[in-house]
């Protein structure tokens, strides 16, 4: 199963750069391993970071969106 970066950040595919950043900041703070002592906090934080680094870069986002369209077809 493919992890959808939009779902990880709880945003829509049409989210603006500001919305992506805002969602990342909220989730990163919530799941940062230094602040969250749950066993899965580190893995959750890494997923959030990966989603943000992909969606915040215009070229990487373009490639990722093309990949999602291809998989959905």
C-alpha atoms as a PDB file:
ATOM      1  CA  UNK A   1       0.000   0.000   0.000  1.00  0.00           C
ATOM      2  CA  UNK A   2       1.246   3.474  -0.880  1.00  0.00           C
ATOM      3  CA  UNK A   3       1.429   6.048   1.901  1.00  0.00           C
ATOM      4  CA  UNK A   4      -0.295   9.171   0.638  1.00  0.00           C
ATOM      5  CA  UNK A   5       1.621  12.267   1.746  1.00  0.00           C
ATOM      6  CA  UNK A   6      -1.535  14.366   1.634  1.00  0.00           C
ATOM      7  CA  UNK A   7      -3.235  12.003   4.070  1.00  0.00           C
ATOM      8  CA  UNK A   8      -0.193  12.024   6.357  1.00  0.00           C
ATOM      9  CA  UNK A   9      -0.387  15.819   6.632  1.00  0.00           C
ATOM     10  CA  UNK A  10      -4.217  15.844   6.747  1.00  0.00           C
ATOM     11  CA  UNK A  11      -4.471  18.228   3.790  1.00  0.00           C
ATOM     12  CA  UNK A  12      -6.093  18.184   0.366  1.00  0.00           C
ATOM     13  CA  UNK A  13      -4.163  17.842  -2.874  1.00  0.00           C
ATOM     14  CA  UNK A  14      -5.005  21.459  -3.629  1.00  0.00           C
ATOM     15  CA  UNK A  15      -3.469  22.764  -0.385  1.00  0.00           C
ATOM     16  CA  UNK A  16      -1.352  25.880  -0.653  1.00  0.00           C
ATOM     17  CA  UNK A  17       2.297  26.069   0.380  1.00  0.00           C
ATOM     18  CA  UNK A  18       1.239  27.908   3.537  1.00  0.00           C
ATOM     19  CA  UNK A  19      -1.299  25.184   4.403  1.00  0.00           C
ATOM     20  CA  UNK A  20       1.316  22.468   3.867  1.00  0.00           C
ATOM     21  CA  UNK A  21       3.761  24.275   6.135  1.00  0.00           C
ATOM     22  CA  UNK A  22       1.146  24.961   8.820  1.00  0.00           C
ATOM     23  CA  UNK A  23       0.022  21.338   8.913  1.00  0.00           C
ATOM     24  CA  UNK A  24       3.618  20.128   9.057  1.00  0.00           C
ATOM     25  CA  UNK A  25       4.450  22.418  11.978  1.00  0.00           C
ATOM     26  CA  UNK A  26       1.434  21.280  13.990  1.00  0.00           C
ATOM     27  CA  UNK A  27       2.025  17.583  13.361  1.00  0.00           C
ATOM     28  CA  UNK A  28       5.798  17.782  13.821  1.00  0.00           C
ATOM     29  CA  UNK A  29       5.321  19.381  17.210  1.00  0.00           C
ATOM     30  CA  UNK A  30       2.720  16.790  18.192  1.00  0.00           C
ATOM     31  CA  UNK A  31       4.781  13.765  17.112  1.00  0.00           C
ATOM     32  CA  UNK A  32       8.347  14.930  17.758  1.00  0.00           C
ATOM     33  CA  UNK A  33      10.072  12.101  19.673  1.00  0.00           C
ATOM     34  CA  UNK A  34      11.421  14.520  22.288  1.00  0.00           C
ATOM     35  CA  UNK A  35       7.883  15.668  23.127  1.00  0.00           C
ATOM     36  CA  UNK A  36       5.837  12.546  22.429  1.00  0.00           C
ATOM     37  CA  UNK A  37       6.815   9.427  24.379  1.00  0.00           C
ATOM     38  CA  UNK A  38       4.627   6.977  22.445  1.00  0.00           C
ATOM     39  CA  UNK A  39       6.470   4.036  20.903  1.00  0.00           C
ATOM     40  CA  UNK A  40       5.479   5.048  17.373  1.00  0.00           C
ATOM     41  CA  UNK A  41       6.323   8.752  17.710  1.00  0.00           C
ATOM     42  CA  UNK A  42       9.645   8.487  15.880  1.00  0.00           C
ATOM     43  CA  UNK A  43       8.150   6.589  12.928  1.00  0.00           C
ATOM     44  CA  UNK A  44       5.198   8.983  12.765  1.00  0.00           C
ATOM     45  CA  UNK A  45       7.522  11.976  12.862  1.00  0.00           C
ATOM     46  CA  UNK A  46       9.642  10.561  10.023  1.00  0.00           C
ATOM     47  CA  UNK A  47       6.531  10.008   7.870  1.00  0.00           C
ATOM     48  CA  UNK A  48       5.437  13.584   8.521  1.00  0.00           C
ATOM     49  CA  UNK A  49       8.910  14.887   7.660  1.00  0.00           C
ATOM     50  CA  UNK A  50       9.057  12.849   4.441  1.00  0.00           C
ATOM     51  CA  UNK A  51       5.622  14.093   3.382  1.00  0.00           C
ATOM     52  CA  UNK A  52       6.581  17.696   4.090  1.00  0.00           C
ATOM     53  CA  UNK A  53       9.915  17.548   2.255  1.00  0.00           C
ATOM     54  CA  UNK A  54       8.173  16.108  -0.788  1.00  0.00           C
ATOM     55  CA  UNK A  55       5.189  18.452  -0.869  1.00  0.00           C
ATOM     56  CA  UNK A  56       7.034  21.648   0.041  1.00  0.00           C
ATOM     57  CA  UNK A  57       9.394  21.387  -2.948  1.00  0.00           C
ATOM     58  CA  UNK A  58       7.602  22.346  -6.180  1.00  0.00           C
ATOM     59  CA  UNK A  59       9.501  19.924  -8.428  1.00  0.00           C
ATOM     60  CA  UNK A  60       9.256  16.983  -6.019  1.00  0.00           C
ATOM     61  CA  UNK A  61       5.530  17.707  -5.560  1.00  0.00           C
ATOM     62  CA  UNK A  62       5.006  17.756  -9.329  1.00  0.00           C
ATOM     63  CA  UNK A  63       6.721  14.368  -9.695  1.00  0.00           C
ATOM     64  CA  UNK A  64       4.819  12.938  -6.704  1.00  0.00           C
ATOM     65  CA  UNK A  65       1.460  14.139  -8.074  1.00  0.00           C
ATOM     66  CA  UNK A  66       2.253  12.572 -11.460  1.00  0.00           C
ATOM     67  CA  UNK A  67       3.106   9.315  -9.676  1.00  0.00           C
ATOM     68  CA  UNK A  68      -0.207   9.361  -7.790  1.00  0.00           C
ATOM     69  CA  UNK A  69      -2.135   9.957 -11.017  1.00  0.00           C
ATOM     70  CA  UNK A  70      -0.330   7.060 -12.679  1.00  0.00           C
ATOM     71  CA  UNK A  71      -1.002   4.695  -9.773  1.00  0.00           C
ATOM     72  CA  UNK A  72      -4.664   5.718  -9.633  1.00  0.00           C
ATOM     73  CA  UNK A  73      -5.149   5.012 -13.335  1.00  0.00           C
END
